[in-house]
Amino acid sequence: MMRRPLHILISDPHLRGGGQVRYVANLAAELTRVGHRVTIGCKRGSVLVEHAHAAACAVNNGFTFRGGLRPACWLTDLRETRRFILEDKPDILHVNGSQDHWAIAGANRLMGRPVCVVRTRHNTYPVHDLWPNRVLNRQWTDFQIVVCEMVRQSLEKQRAFDPARMCSIHNGVDAEDFRPDERQRAEARAEFGYRDSDLVCGIAARLVPAKGHVYLFRAAALLAHQFPTLRLLVLGRGDLEPDLVRLTRELGIADIARFAGFRDDMARCTQAFDLGVQPSIDCDTSSFSLKEQMAEEKPVICSDYGGLTEILSDGVEGFIVPTGSVEPLAEAMRKLLEDEGLRRTLGAAGRRRVLRDFTLQICARRTAEAYYRALEIHGAHSAS
């Protein structure tokens, strides 16, 4: 029997893009498409306002979601949450960050907890075993979604969480947007100035230390003489860009590295890749970029950090190398650069893996199942 559609507030405190914002936007769009009523809760000026319009779902940007000791901001968020609960009567309050979690769950608690609260945890950052965190997560929150199994297993050992009220659901990607496309590949490679014979190794990630660009660049420097057609395509922006540009000069690979900045047409740009690399050393749990490149049938290499090893199997869809390594990364790159047949085989396996486990539809369906489970838990708590 089909379960009833839900009304869900999905909130996030970020102003700009990133994996967490993409998660909220994608989830809101897919849940809306299958018949649920979704409102995105965010700050004024957040990119999520545009995403809400594109997803044909409602948006409430009356929140401030500021951390720290800011009584006026807290009062604004408490009032806005109370107003939303009374007027819109949501079934689920789905929070995604620390600021919105405290504000929305706190307002809900002051009202006697009339609405079910669900939290998604997106990174590997530890949760301190303090009394306020135990109250927030065990008493004010009905259910926790964690975007990879490794982090879920870590959190379930902490007193701040109830293991029976947690599950892991990997982020989903649009396998139609990100699919092999020879026309777009030719256009993207022409735009970036690549010849058919060039071997393009790409990375799509914020230019921050956590993403491990330095290891990719050092590995590329070891291979540059062996593979004179090797090229590096770096998609993304971040504070580390000047340092990374300087590093390519120091390593003697500035002439093969192209910093293309942030792009809205990422599904087109990554078509230019022959292989993708994600050598993260911190924070990564359920990489969108890795799955998107796999969906395009690009063989990939990632570090064994966080939840990345849950996305591919070593030697099947790509290669997994030790976190913070250079020589093992260079060796994995060498195997792919010298063997076009291996690139094709691993790339095709990558798309099959995404279609099996990591599509938007799968993520949204599993999240909706978590909502219904959370509602049962909330109902049992209310009746006790």
Protein backbone atom coordinates (compact mmCIF):
# COMPACT_ATOMS: atom_id res chain seq x y z
CA MET A 1 0.00 0.00 0.00
CA MET A 2 1.33 3.42 -0.95
CA ARG A 3 2.11 5.62 2.03
CA ARG A 4 0.70 9.11 2.27
CA PRO A 5 2.69 12.05 0.86
CA LEU A 6 4.55 14.07 3.46
CA HIS A 7 5.13 17.76 4.05
CA ILE A 8 8.83 18.23 4.78
CA LEU A 9 10.86 21.26 5.78
CA ILE A 10 14.46 20.64 4.63
CA SER A 11 16.77 23.26 6.12
CA ASP A 12 20.40 24.19 5.63
CA PRO A 13 22.48 27.12 7.00
CA HIS A 14 24.83 27.65 4.03
CA LEU A 15 24.78 30.68 1.75
CA ARG A 16 26.88 29.29 -1.09
CA GLY A 17 27.23 26.01 -2.92
CA GLY A 18 28.93 22.79 -1.84
CA GLY A 19 28.08 19.16 -1.31
CA GLN A 20 25.62 19.81 1.51
CA VAL A 21 23.72 22.43 -0.49
CA ARG A 22 23.63 20.07 -3.48
CA TYR A 23 22.24 17.33 -1.24
CA VAL A 24 19.39 19.57 -0.05
CA ALA A 25 18.60 20.84 -3.55
CA ASN A 26 18.66 17.39 -5.16
CA LEU A 27 16.65 15.76 -2.39
CA ALA A 28 14.04 18.53 -2.42
CA ALA A 29 13.65 18.27 -6.19
CA GLU A 30 13.28 14.49 -6.24
CA LEU A 31 10.91 14.33 -3.25
CA THR A 32 8.77 17.01 -4.91
CA ARG A 33 8.80 15.11 -8.20
CA VAL A 34 7.41 11.95 -6.58
CA GLY A 35 4.59 13.80 -4.85
CA HIS A 36 5.79 15.01 -1.46
CA ARG A 37 5.36 18.65 -0.43
CA VAL A 38 8.74 20.21 0.30
CA THR A 39 9.76 23.57 1.74
CA ILE A 40 13.44 24.55 1.79
CA GLY A 41 14.40 26.55 4.88
CA CYS A 42 17.43 28.82 4.49
CA LYS A 43 18.94 32.25 5.02
CA ARG A 44 18.22 35.32 2.96
CA GLY A 45 20.65 35.42 0.04
CA SER A 46 21.21 31.67 0.05
CA VAL A 47 21.66 29.92 -3.30
CA LEU A 48 19.00 27.51 -2.05
CA VAL A 49 16.34 30.09 -2.93
CA GLU A 50 17.18 29.62 -6.61
CA HIS A 51 17.36 25.85 -6.16
CA ALA A 52 13.90 25.85 -4.58
CA HIS A 53 12.45 27.71 -7.55
CA ALA A 54 14.15 25.30 -9.97
CA ALA A 55 12.79 22.33 -8.03
CA ALA A 56 9.23 23.78 -8.02
CA CYS A 57 9.09 23.56 -4.26
CA ALA A 58 8.40 26.21 -1.63
CA VAL A 59 11.09 28.22 0.13
CA ASN A 60 11.23 29.95 3.51
CA ASN A 61 14.25 32.25 3.75
CA GLY A 62 13.20 33.95 6.95
CA PHE A 63 15.84 32.18 9.05
CA THR A 64 19.23 33.51 10.19
CA PHE A 65 20.91 30.22 11.24
CA ARG A 66 23.86 31.90 12.97
CA GLY A 67 26.12 30.04 15.35
CA GLY A 68 27.54 31.31 18.62
CA LEU A 69 25.95 33.49 21.28
CA ARG A 70 23.56 35.67 19.25
CA PRO A 71 20.29 36.00 21.20
CA ALA A 72 18.57 38.15 18.57
CA CYS A 73 19.28 35.62 15.81
CA TRP A 74 18.15 32.73 17.99
CA LEU A 75 14.93 34.54 18.82
CA THR A 76 14.27 35.19 15.14
CA ASP A 77 14.77 31.53 14.26
CA LEU A 78 12.67 30.31 17.18
CA ARG A 79 9.81 32.56 16.14
CA GLU A 80 10.08 31.64 12.48
CA THR A 81 10.12 27.92 13.27
CA ARG A 82 7.09 28.29 15.56
CA ARG A 83 5.22 30.26 12.92
CA PHE A 84 6.02 27.69 10.25
CA ILE A 85 4.93 24.77 12.43
CA LEU A 86 1.62 26.44 13.36
CA GLU A 87 0.76 27.69 9.87
CA ASP A 88 2.16 25.00 7.57
CA LYS A 89 1.85 21.96 9.85
CA PRO A 90 4.81 19.95 8.49
CA ASP A 91 5.24 16.23 9.10
CA ILE A 92 9.05 16.34 9.14
CA LEU A 93 11.63 18.94 10.13
CA HIS A 94 14.77 17.74 8.32
CA VAL A 95 17.85 19.68 9.44
CA ASN A 96 21.31 19.46 7.89
CA GLY A 97 23.71 21.63 9.89
CA SER A 98 24.50 22.57 13.46
CA GLN A 99 22.90 26.04 13.40
CA ASP A 100 19.57 24.95 11.91
CA HIS A 101 19.53 21.82 14.07
CA TRP A 102 19.75 23.74 17.34
CA ALA A 103 17.31 26.45 16.27
CA ILE A 104 14.62 24.27 14.76
CA ALA A 105 14.83 21.38 17.24
CA GLY A 106 14.91 23.89 20.11
CA ALA A 107 11.78 25.69 18.92
CA ASN A 108 10.03 22.38 18.38
CA ARG A 109 10.96 21.31 21.92
CA LEU A 110 9.60 24.55 23.40
CA MET A 111 6.29 23.78 21.67
CA GLY A 112 6.16 20.31 23.21
CA ARG A 113 7.77 18.49 20.24
CA PRO A 114 4.72 18.42 17.93
CA VAL A 115 6.79 17.61 14.83
CA CYS A 116 9.23 14.80 14.01
CA VAL A 117 12.86 16.00 13.71
CA VAL A 118 15.39 14.27 11.43
CA ARG A 119 19.08 15.25 11.11
CA THR A 120 21.44 14.35 8.26
CA ARG A 121 25.14 14.29 9.12
CA HIS A 122 27.37 15.07 6.14
CA ASN A 123 30.98 14.93 7.34
CA THR A 124 33.48 13.14 9.52
CA TYR A 125 33.74 15.87 12.16
CA PRO A 126 33.48 14.43 15.70
CA VAL A 127 30.53 15.19 17.97
CA HIS A 128 31.74 15.96 21.47
CA ASP A 129 30.30 13.88 24.28
CA LEU A 130 28.76 16.79 26.15
CA TRP A 131 25.41 16.96 27.92
CA PRO A 132 23.91 19.53 25.47
CA ASN A 133 24.77 17.28 22.53
CA ARG A 134 23.16 14.29 24.23
CA VAL A 135 19.99 16.32 24.83
CA LEU A 136 19.88 17.61 21.25
CA ASN A 137 20.49 14.26 19.57
CA ARG A 138 18.78 11.81 21.89
CA GLN A 139 15.86 13.83 23.27
CA TRP A 140 15.05 16.54 20.71
CA THR A 141 15.83 14.55 17.56
CA ASP A 142 13.88 11.49 16.47
CA PHE A 143 16.18 10.08 13.82
CA GLN A 144 19.66 10.56 12.29
CA ILE A 145 20.66 9.93 8.68
CA VAL A 146 24.41 9.61 8.08
CA VAL A 147 25.73 9.84 4.52
CA CYS A 148 28.14 6.93 4.85
CA GLU A 149 28.32 3.75 6.89
CA MET A 150 31.79 4.42 8.31
CA VAL A 151 30.64 7.60 10.05
CA ARG A 152 27.41 5.95 11.22
CA GLN A 153 29.41 3.18 12.91
CA SER A 154 31.63 5.78 14.55
CA LEU A 155 28.71 7.85 15.84
CA GLU A 156 26.75 4.89 17.18
CA LYS A 157 29.52 4.29 19.71
CA GLN A 158 29.06 7.75 21.22
CA ARG A 159 26.70 8.44 24.11
CA ALA A 160 25.23 11.41 22.24
CA PHE A 161 23.43 9.04 19.84
CA ASP A 162 20.96 6.18 19.95
CA PRO A 163 22.16 3.49 17.49
CA ALA A 164 18.59 2.24 17.05
CA ARG A 165 17.58 5.60 15.62
CA MET A 166 20.23 5.94 12.91
CA CYS A 167 20.82 4.74 9.37
CA SER A 168 23.28 5.43 6.55
CA ILE A 169 22.15 6.68 3.13
CA HIS A 170 24.70 7.74 0.55
CA ASN A 171 24.07 10.88 -1.50
CA GLY A 172 22.52 10.32 -4.90
CA VAL A 173 23.52 11.80 -8.26
CA ASP A 174 21.61 12.51 -11.46
CA ALA A 175 22.61 9.61 -13.69
CA GLU A 176 20.82 11.16 -16.66
CA ASP A 177 22.67 14.47 -16.41
CA PHE A 178 25.94 12.65 -15.79
CA ARG A 179 26.13 10.02 -18.50
CA PRO A 180 28.62 9.29 -21.31
CA ASP A 181 28.17 11.85 -24.08
CA GLU A 182 30.67 11.92 -26.93
CA ARG A 183 29.37 15.21 -28.34
CA GLN A 184 29.74 17.01 -25.01
CA ARG A 185 33.13 15.37 -24.50
CA ALA A 186 34.38 16.74 -27.82
CA GLU A 187 32.98 20.21 -27.05
CA ALA A 188 34.48 20.30 -23.54
CA ARG A 189 37.90 19.12 -24.67
CA ALA A 190 37.89 21.70 -27.47
CA GLU A 191 36.97 24.45 -24.99
CA PHE A 192 39.83 23.52 -22.67
CA GLY A 193 42.26 23.17 -25.58
CA TYR A 194 42.82 19.40 -25.44
CA ARG A 195 43.68 17.23 -28.42
CA ASP A 196 42.31 13.72 -28.95
CA SER A 197 45.68 12.31 -27.96
CA ASP A 198 45.84 14.18 -24.62
CA LEU A 199 45.30 12.16 -21.45
CA VAL A 200 43.27 14.35 -19.13
CA CYS A 201 43.35 13.63 -15.41
CA GLY A 202 40.67 15.68 -13.67
CA ILE A 203 39.63 16.70 -10.20
CA ALA A 204 36.38 18.48 -9.34
CA ALA A 205 36.55 19.77 -5.77
CA ARG A 206 36.90 22.90 -3.66
CA LEU A 207 40.48 24.16 -3.59
CA VAL A 208 41.02 23.49 0.10
CA PRO A 209 43.57 21.30 1.93
CA ALA A 210 40.97 18.59 2.71
CA LYS A 211 40.64 17.63 -0.96
CA GLY A 212 44.28 16.62 -1.35
CA HIS A 213 45.18 18.44 -4.56
CA VAL A 214 48.84 18.56 -3.52
CA TYR A 215 49.09 14.76 -3.67
CA LEU A 216 47.61 14.68 -7.15
CA PHE A 217 50.03 17.36 -8.35
CA ARG A 218 53.06 15.61 -6.86
CA ALA A 219 51.96 12.31 -8.40
CA ALA A 220 51.48 14.00 -11.78
CA ALA A 221 54.99 15.44 -11.53
CA LEU A 222 56.35 11.88 -11.21
CA LEU A 223 54.54 10.84 -14.40
CA ALA A 224 54.91 13.89 -16.61
CA HIS A 225 58.06 12.70 -18.42
CA GLN A 226 56.68 9.18 -18.97
CA PHE A 227 53.39 10.55 -20.32
CA PRO A 228 54.11 13.74 -22.30
CA THR A 229 50.42 14.07 -23.23
CA LEU A 230 49.29 14.07 -19.58
CA ARG A 231 47.11 17.05 -18.68
CA LEU A 232 45.56 18.15 -15.37
CA LEU A 233 42.10 19.77 -15.36
CA VAL A 234 41.25 21.36 -12.01
CA LEU A 235 37.60 22.32 -11.55
CA GLY A 236 36.61 24.35 -8.49
CA ARG A 237 37.57 27.37 -6.45
CA GLY A 238 38.90 27.95 -2.98
CA ASP A 239 41.35 29.77 -0.74
CA LEU A 240 44.15 27.37 -1.62
CA GLU A 241 44.25 28.32 -5.31
CA PRO A 242 47.27 30.70 -5.17
CA ASP A 243 49.30 28.10 -3.26
CA LEU A 244 48.32 25.34 -5.69
CA VAL A 245 49.20 27.45 -8.72
CA ARG A 246 52.59 28.17 -7.14
CA LEU A 247 53.07 24.45 -6.43
CA THR A 248 52.54 23.53 -10.09
CA ARG A 249 55.34 25.98 -10.98
CA GLU A 250 57.65 24.53 -8.34
CA LEU A 251 56.95 20.99 -9.58
CA GLY A 252 57.46 21.94 -13.23
CA ILE A 253 53.92 21.00 -14.28
CA ALA A 254 52.39 24.48 -14.67
CA ASP A 255 52.23 24.00 -18.45
CA ILE A 256 50.02 20.88 -18.14
CA ALA A 257 47.73 22.12 -15.32
CA ARG A 258 44.63 24.16 -16.10
CA PHE A 259 42.68 25.82 -13.28
CA ALA A 260 39.18 26.20 -14.76
CA GLY A 261 37.43 27.60 -11.68
CA PHE A 262 33.88 26.90 -10.55
CA ARG A 263 31.49 25.82 -13.27
CA ASP A 264 27.70 25.54 -13.32
CA ASP A 265 27.95 23.09 -16.22
CA MET A 266 29.94 20.46 -14.33
CA ALA A 267 28.22 17.57 -16.13
CA ARG A 268 29.64 18.93 -19.38
CA CYS A 269 33.10 19.87 -18.07
CA THR A 270 33.87 16.47 -16.54
CA GLN A 271 33.18 14.84 -19.91
CA ALA A 272 36.68 16.09 -20.81
CA PHE A 273 38.26 13.73 -18.25
CA ASP A 274 39.94 10.46 -19.16
CA LEU A 275 40.17 9.62 -15.47
CA GLY A 276 39.12 11.31 -12.25
CA VAL A 277 41.01 11.58 -8.97
CA GLN A 278 39.70 12.33 -5.45
CA PRO A 279 42.70 12.15 -3.07
CA SER A 280 40.87 13.60 -0.03
CA ILE A 281 42.55 13.66 3.37
CA ASP A 282 39.71 15.08 5.48
CA CYS A 283 35.94 15.58 5.70
CA ASP A 284 34.82 13.52 2.67
CA THR A 285 32.05 11.02 3.32
CA SER A 286 29.85 10.54 0.25
CA SER A 287 31.54 12.37 -2.62
CA PHE A 288 29.20 13.72 -5.30
CA SER A 289 32.11 14.29 -7.67
CA LEU A 290 33.33 10.72 -7.49
CA LYS A 291 29.87 9.31 -8.24
CA GLU A 292 29.19 11.81 -11.01
CA GLN A 293 32.40 10.88 -12.79
CA MET A 294 31.60 7.19 -12.36
CA ALA A 295 28.15 7.84 -13.86
CA GLU A 296 29.93 9.29 -16.91
CA GLU A 297 31.96 6.06 -17.17
CA LYS A 298 35.18 7.69 -16.03
CA PRO A 299 37.55 5.38 -14.15
CA VAL A 300 38.37 6.97 -10.80
CA ILE A 301 41.04 6.92 -8.12
CA CYS A 302 40.32 7.90 -4.53
CA SER A 303 42.04 7.81 -1.16
CA ASP A 304 40.93 5.38 1.52
CA TYR A 305 39.55 8.22 3.63
CA GLY A 306 36.09 8.40 5.20
CA GLY A 307 33.25 6.92 3.17
CA LEU A 308 35.05 7.03 -0.19
CA THR A 309 35.84 3.31 -0.07
CA GLU A 310 32.09 2.60 0.13
CA ILE A 311 31.59 4.19 -3.30
CA LEU A 312 33.91 1.95 -5.34
CA SER A 313 35.74 -1.33 -5.01
CA ASP A 314 39.47 -1.37 -5.60
CA GLY A 315 40.24 -2.71 -9.06
CA VAL A 316 36.57 -2.87 -10.09
CA GLU A 317 35.42 0.69 -10.77
CA GLY A 318 38.79 2.30 -10.13
CA PHE A 319 41.60 2.24 -7.61
CA ILE A 320 41.84 3.07 -3.90
CA VAL A 321 45.15 4.38 -2.55
CA PRO A 322 46.38 5.23 0.96
CA THR A 323 45.34 8.65 2.22
CA GLY A 324 48.05 11.27 1.84
CA SER A 325 50.18 9.14 -0.47
CA VAL A 326 52.03 10.15 -3.63
CA GLU A 327 53.81 7.09 -5.06
CA PRO A 328 50.77 4.74 -4.77
CA LEU A 329 48.61 7.43 -6.36
CA ALA A 330 51.11 7.85 -9.19
CA GLU A 331 51.17 4.08 -9.75
CA ALA A 332 47.35 3.91 -9.95
CA MET A 333 47.36 6.81 -12.39
CA ARG A 334 50.06 5.11 -14.47
CA LYS A 335 47.97 1.94 -14.81
CA LEU A 336 45.04 3.91 -16.17
CA LEU A 337 47.04 6.27 -18.35
CA GLU A 338 48.80 3.47 -20.20
CA ASP A 339 45.79 1.19 -20.72
CA GLU A 340 42.77 2.53 -22.61
CA GLY A 341 41.02 -0.83 -22.38
CA LEU A 342 41.31 -0.80 -18.59
CA ARG A 343 39.91 2.74 -18.50
CA ARG A 344 36.89 1.61 -20.50
CA THR A 345 36.31 -1.51 -18.40
CA LEU A 346 36.52 0.28 -15.05
CA GLY A 347 34.49 3.22 -16.35
CA ALA A 348 31.63 1.00 -17.51
CA ALA A 349 31.64 -0.79 -14.13
CA GLY A 350 31.47 2.60 -12.41
CA ARG A 351 28.26 3.57 -14.17
CA ARG A 352 26.71 0.20 -13.32
CA ARG A 353 27.61 0.78 -9.66
CA VAL A 354 25.99 4.23 -9.65
CA LEU A 355 22.81 2.93 -11.28
CA ARG A 356 22.65 0.17 -8.69
CA ASP A 357 23.37 2.17 -5.55
CA PHE A 358 23.75 5.93 -5.96
CA THR A 359 21.05 7.56 -8.08
CA LEU A 360 18.89 10.47 -6.93
CA GLN A 361 15.87 8.20 -7.04
CA ILE A 362 17.47 5.62 -4.74
CA CYS A 363 18.62 8.31 -2.28
CA ALA A 364 15.19 9.97 -2.16
CA ARG A 365 13.36 6.66 -1.76
CA ARG A 366 15.61 5.58 1.11
CA THR A 367 15.27 9.01 2.73
CA ALA A 368 11.47 8.84 2.52
CA GLU A 369 11.64 5.39 4.15
CA ALA A 370 13.72 6.94 6.93
CA TYR A 371 11.08 9.66 7.36
CA TYR A 372 8.31 7.10 7.83
CA ARG A 373 10.46 5.19 10.31
CA ALA A 374 11.17 8.44 12.17
CA LEU A 375 7.45 9.23 12.30
CA GLU A 376 6.81 5.85 13.93
CA ILE A 377 9.49 6.57 16.53
CA HIS A 378 8.10 10.06 17.11
CA GLY A 379 4.58 8.69 17.48
CA ALA A 380 5.69 6.10 20.01
CA HIS A 381 7.51 8.80 22.01
CA SER A 382 4.46 11.06 21.98
CA ALA A 383 2.20 8.25 23.16
CA SER A 384 4.49 7.28 26.06
